[in-house]
Each structure stands twice: as structure tokens, then as C-alpha cells.
Amino acid sequence: MFRMWGKLWKDNHLLRDTVAANGDYSMSRTAMVFQALDEICREFDLGQPIWLDSNIKDFKLHDKTRFTRDSFIEEIDFDYLEIHVIEE
């Protein structure tokens, strides 16, 4: 089962978190990541963040990345959204 943990952080405090799961292994890993991110953003009522080069690099290396206010078009009231693949 593919699972991704999404967390909203502000001032080094966890505001909210959720886990998105997907058991459909007919999808590519990239498609599962984007689907999980979409589910996390819906849960937090956020627009989709923009993947910057730094996000792609961090995610490839650590299966984890942080989306700061630079990645969002709308104004956000938290410091960053962190996603982390916790199970594959």
C-alpha cells in the first residue's frame, strides 16, 4: 500500500496532518504521488502547490519535501506543507 503523510506547520508546531493511501499498483509511482498530494490538498482545503526544482530534488533524495509560500499561488496562513512517503 502506498501511503503519504501530509503535515501543515506553523512556528515549528504541527497544525494538522493527514495520511493519503492508494493500493492501486497499476498506476505509476509518480501518478500515486500526485493523486496523494491532491487528496491531501483537498483535505486541507488548499490549492495545488507548484513543484519547484528544490522540491523535486528533495523528494527524489528523501521521499519528502516542503512546500513553502513560494509554491502556492494563494496566500497561506502556515509556514509550509510537508509531504512524506511513509509506505510503499
N, C-alpha and C. Protein backbone atom coordinates (compact mmCIF):
# COMPACT_ATOMS: atom_id res chain seq x y z
N MET A 1 0.85 -1.18 0.00
CA MET A 1 0.00 0.00 0.00
C MET A 1 0.89 1.24 0.00
N PHE A 2 0.60 2.16 -0.89
CA PHE A 2 1.32 3.43 -0.95
C PHE A 2 0.63 4.41 -0.01
N ARG A 3 1.40 5.00 0.91
CA ARG A 3 0.83 5.98 1.84
C ARG A 3 1.73 7.20 1.91
N MET A 4 1.09 8.38 1.91
CA MET A 4 1.82 9.64 2.02
C MET A 4 1.24 10.45 3.17
N TRP A 5 2.11 11.00 3.98
CA TRP A 5 1.74 11.78 5.14
C TRP A 5 1.87 13.26 4.79
N GLY A 6 0.81 14.02 4.97
CA GLY A 6 0.83 15.46 4.74
C GLY A 6 0.68 16.20 6.05
N LYS A 7 1.52 17.23 6.26
CA LYS A 7 1.50 17.97 7.52
C LYS A 7 1.59 19.47 7.26
N LEU A 8 0.79 20.24 7.98
CA LEU A 8 0.86 21.70 7.95
C LEU A 8 1.59 22.18 9.19
N TRP A 9 2.61 23.01 8.99
CA TRP A 9 3.44 23.51 10.09
C TRP A 9 3.39 25.03 10.16
N LYS A 10 3.38 25.55 11.37
CA LYS A 10 3.49 26.99 11.60
C LYS A 10 4.25 27.21 12.91
N ASP A 11 5.29 28.02 12.87
CA ASP A 11 6.12 28.33 14.03
C ASP A 11 6.60 27.05 14.74
N ASN A 12 7.06 26.08 13.94
CA ASN A 12 7.57 24.79 14.44
C ASN A 12 6.54 23.98 15.22
N HIS A 13 5.27 24.23 14.97
CA HIS A 13 4.19 23.44 15.58
C HIS A 13 3.36 22.79 14.48
N LEU A 14 3.02 21.55 14.70
CA LEU A 14 2.16 20.82 13.76
C LEU A 14 0.73 21.31 13.93
N LEU A 15 0.15 21.86 12.86
CA LEU A 15 -1.23 22.35 12.92
C LEU A 15 -2.22 21.23 12.59
N ARG A 16 -1.97 20.54 11.51
CA ARG A 16 -2.87 19.46 11.04
C ARG A 16 -2.04 18.43 10.31
N ASP A 17 -2.53 17.20 10.28
CA ASP A 17 -1.90 16.19 9.46
C ASP A 17 -2.94 15.21 8.96
N THR A 18 -2.59 14.51 7.91
CA THR A 18 -3.46 13.50 7.32
C THR A 18 -2.60 12.52 6.55
N VAL A 19 -3.15 11.34 6.31
CA VAL A 19 -2.46 10.33 5.52
C VAL A 19 -3.34 9.96 4.33
N ALA A 20 -2.75 9.99 3.14
CA ALA A 20 -3.44 9.59 1.92
C ALA A 20 -2.90 8.22 1.52
N ALA A 21 -3.80 7.30 1.20
CA ALA A 21 -3.40 5.94 0.85
C ALA A 21 -3.91 5.57 -0.54
N ASN A 22 -3.14 4.70 -1.20
CA ASN A 22 -3.52 4.22 -2.52
C ASN A 22 -3.00 2.80 -2.68
N GLY A 23 -3.87 1.87 -2.99
CA GLY A 23 -3.46 0.49 -3.17
C GLY A 23 -3.47 0.05 -4.62
N ASP A 24 -3.67 0.98 -5.55
CA ASP A 24 -3.75 0.66 -6.98
C ASP A 24 -2.35 0.69 -7.59
N TYR A 25 -1.70 -0.48 -7.64
CA TYR A 25 -0.34 -0.54 -8.17
C TYR A 25 -0.28 -0.62 -9.68
N SER A 26 -1.42 -0.48 -10.35
CA SER A 26 -1.38 -0.39 -11.81
C SER A 26 -0.96 1.02 -12.23
N MET A 27 -1.02 1.96 -11.29
CA MET A 27 -0.59 3.34 -11.54
C MET A 27 0.92 3.44 -11.35
N SER A 28 1.53 4.41 -12.02
CA SER A 28 2.96 4.65 -11.80
C SER A 28 3.15 5.31 -10.43
N ARG A 29 4.37 5.26 -9.93
CA ARG A 29 4.65 5.89 -8.63
C ARG A 29 4.38 7.39 -8.69
N THR A 30 4.76 8.02 -9.79
CA THR A 30 4.55 9.46 -9.95
C THR A 30 3.05 9.78 -9.90
N ALA A 31 2.24 8.98 -10.56
CA ALA A 31 0.78 9.20 -10.53
C ALA A 31 0.24 9.02 -9.12
N MET A 32 0.77 8.04 -8.37
CA MET A 32 0.32 7.85 -6.99
C MET A 32 0.70 9.03 -6.11
N VAL A 33 1.90 9.60 -6.35
CA VAL A 33 2.34 10.77 -5.58
C VAL A 33 1.41 11.95 -5.84
N PHE A 34 1.12 12.22 -7.12
CA PHE A 34 0.25 13.34 -7.46
C PHE A 34 -1.18 13.13 -6.95
N GLN A 35 -1.67 11.91 -7.01
CA GLN A 35 -3.01 11.63 -6.51
C GLN A 35 -3.06 11.82 -4.99
N ALA A 36 -2.03 11.36 -4.28
CA ALA A 36 -1.98 11.53 -2.83
C ALA A 36 -1.88 13.01 -2.46
N LEU A 37 -1.06 13.76 -3.18
CA LEU A 37 -0.94 15.20 -2.92
C LEU A 37 -2.28 15.90 -3.17
N ASP A 38 -2.98 15.51 -4.21
CA ASP A 38 -4.30 16.08 -4.50
C ASP A 38 -5.27 15.79 -3.35
N GLU A 39 -5.25 14.56 -2.84
CA GLU A 39 -6.12 14.19 -1.73
C GLU A 39 -5.78 14.98 -0.46
N ILE A 40 -4.49 15.16 -0.20
CA ILE A 40 -4.04 15.94 0.97
C ILE A 40 -4.49 17.39 0.84
N CYS A 41 -4.33 17.97 -0.33
CA CYS A 41 -4.74 19.37 -0.54
C CYS A 41 -6.25 19.54 -0.40
N ARG A 42 -7.02 18.56 -0.87
CA ARG A 42 -8.47 18.62 -0.69
C ARG A 42 -8.83 18.57 0.79
N GLU A 43 -8.16 17.69 1.53
CA GLU A 43 -8.42 17.55 2.97
C GLU A 43 -8.13 18.86 3.71
N PHE A 44 -7.05 19.56 3.31
CA PHE A 44 -6.67 20.81 3.96
C PHE A 44 -7.29 22.04 3.30
N ASP A 45 -8.11 21.85 2.26
CA ASP A 45 -8.74 22.94 1.52
C ASP A 45 -7.69 23.90 0.96
N LEU A 46 -6.70 23.34 0.26
CA LEU A 46 -5.62 24.12 -0.34
C LEU A 46 -5.62 23.94 -1.85
N GLY A 47 -5.07 24.94 -2.53
CA GLY A 47 -4.82 24.78 -3.95
C GLY A 47 -3.57 23.92 -4.13
N GLN A 48 -3.41 23.36 -5.31
CA GLN A 48 -2.24 22.53 -5.58
C GLN A 48 -0.97 23.38 -5.54
N PRO A 49 0.07 22.93 -4.83
CA PRO A 49 1.33 23.67 -4.84
C PRO A 49 2.09 23.44 -6.14
N ILE A 50 2.95 24.36 -6.45
CA ILE A 50 3.80 24.26 -7.63
C ILE A 50 5.08 23.55 -7.23
N TRP A 51 5.48 22.55 -8.00
CA TRP A 51 6.72 21.82 -7.72
C TRP A 51 7.89 22.63 -8.26
N LEU A 52 8.68 23.21 -7.37
CA LEU A 52 9.88 23.93 -7.76
C LEU A 52 11.03 22.93 -7.87
N ASP A 53 12.14 23.34 -8.48
CA ASP A 53 13.29 22.44 -8.64
C ASP A 53 13.78 21.90 -7.30
N SER A 54 13.75 22.74 -6.27
CA SER A 54 14.20 22.29 -4.95
C SER A 54 13.28 21.21 -4.38
N ASN A 55 11.98 21.32 -4.65
CA ASN A 55 11.03 20.30 -4.19
C ASN A 55 11.29 18.96 -4.89
N ILE A 56 11.52 19.01 -6.17
CA ILE A 56 11.77 17.79 -6.95
C ILE A 56 13.05 17.12 -6.45
N LYS A 57 14.09 17.90 -6.25
CA LYS A 57 15.37 17.36 -5.78
C LYS A 57 15.21 16.71 -4.40
N ASP A 58 14.59 17.41 -3.46
CA ASP A 58 14.38 16.87 -2.11
C ASP A 58 13.55 15.60 -2.13
N PHE A 59 12.50 15.59 -2.96
CA PHE A 59 11.62 14.43 -3.00
C PHE A 59 12.33 13.22 -3.59
N LYS A 60 13.15 13.44 -4.61
CA LYS A 60 13.89 12.33 -5.20
C LYS A 60 14.89 11.74 -4.20
N LEU A 61 15.53 12.59 -3.41
CA LEU A 61 16.55 12.12 -2.47
C LEU A 61 15.97 11.50 -1.20
N HIS A 62 14.90 12.09 -0.66
CA HIS A 62 14.44 11.72 0.67
C HIS A 62 12.99 11.21 0.74
N ASP A 63 12.29 11.17 -0.40
CA ASP A 63 10.85 10.85 -0.41
C ASP A 63 10.07 11.81 0.47
N LYS A 64 10.53 13.05 0.53
CA LYS A 64 9.95 14.05 1.43
C LYS A 64 10.28 15.43 0.88
N THR A 65 9.35 16.37 0.99
CA THR A 65 9.64 17.74 0.60
C THR A 65 8.71 18.70 1.33
N ARG A 66 9.09 19.97 1.32
CA ARG A 66 8.29 21.02 1.95
C ARG A 66 7.91 22.06 0.92
N PHE A 67 6.62 22.39 0.88
CA PHE A 67 6.12 23.44 0.01
C PHE A 67 5.91 24.69 0.85
N THR A 68 6.70 25.72 0.60
CA THR A 68 6.58 26.99 1.32
C THR A 68 5.66 27.92 0.55
N ARG A 69 5.52 29.14 1.03
CA ARG A 69 4.59 30.08 0.39
C ARG A 69 4.97 30.37 -1.06
N ASP A 70 6.23 30.15 -1.45
CA ASP A 70 6.64 30.34 -2.84
C ASP A 70 5.97 29.34 -3.78
N SER A 71 5.51 28.22 -3.25
CA SER A 71 4.91 27.17 -4.07
C SER A 71 3.40 27.33 -4.23
N PHE A 72 2.81 28.28 -3.54
CA PHE A 72 1.36 28.46 -3.60
C PHE A 72 1.01 29.78 -4.27
N ILE A 73 -0.03 29.76 -5.07
CA ILE A 73 -0.48 30.98 -5.74
C ILE A 73 -1.24 31.86 -4.75
N GLU A 74 -2.12 31.22 -3.94
CA GLU A 74 -2.90 31.99 -2.97
C GLU A 74 -2.09 32.21 -1.69
N GLU A 75 -2.55 33.14 -0.89
CA GLU A 75 -1.93 33.43 0.41
C GLU A 75 -2.19 32.25 1.36
N ILE A 76 -1.18 31.86 2.14
CA ILE A 76 -1.35 30.76 3.08
C ILE A 76 -1.13 31.26 4.50
N ASP A 77 -1.77 30.60 5.47
CA ASP A 77 -1.66 31.03 6.87
C ASP A 77 -0.84 30.02 7.70
N PHE A 78 0.10 29.36 7.06
CA PHE A 78 1.01 28.44 7.72
C PHE A 78 2.39 28.62 7.09
N ASP A 79 3.41 28.04 7.70
CA ASP A 79 4.77 28.21 7.18
C ASP A 79 5.07 27.30 5.99
N TYR A 80 4.67 26.02 6.09
CA TYR A 80 4.89 25.11 4.97
C TYR A 80 4.02 23.87 5.08
N LEU A 81 3.81 23.24 3.94
CA LEU A 81 3.16 21.94 3.84
C LEU A 81 4.26 20.93 3.57
N GLU A 82 4.35 19.93 4.39
CA GLU A 82 5.35 18.88 4.22
C GLU A 82 4.66 17.59 3.80
N ILE A 83 5.20 16.94 2.77
CA ILE A 83 4.70 15.62 2.40
C ILE A 83 5.83 14.63 2.53
N HIS A 84 5.47 13.40 2.91
CA HIS A 84 6.47 12.38 3.16
C HIS A 84 5.87 11.01 2.83
N VAL A 85 6.53 10.26 1.96
CA VAL A 85 6.08 8.91 1.64
C VAL A 85 6.47 8.03 2.83
N ILE A 86 5.47 7.39 3.45
CA ILE A 86 5.77 6.59 4.64
C ILE A 86 5.67 5.09 4.38
N GLU A 87 5.09 4.70 3.24
CA GLU A 87 5.00 3.26 2.96
C GLU A 87 4.82 3.06 1.46
N GLU A 88 5.53 2.07 0.93
CA GLU A 88 5.35 1.70 -0.47
C GLU A 88 5.18 0.21 -0.57
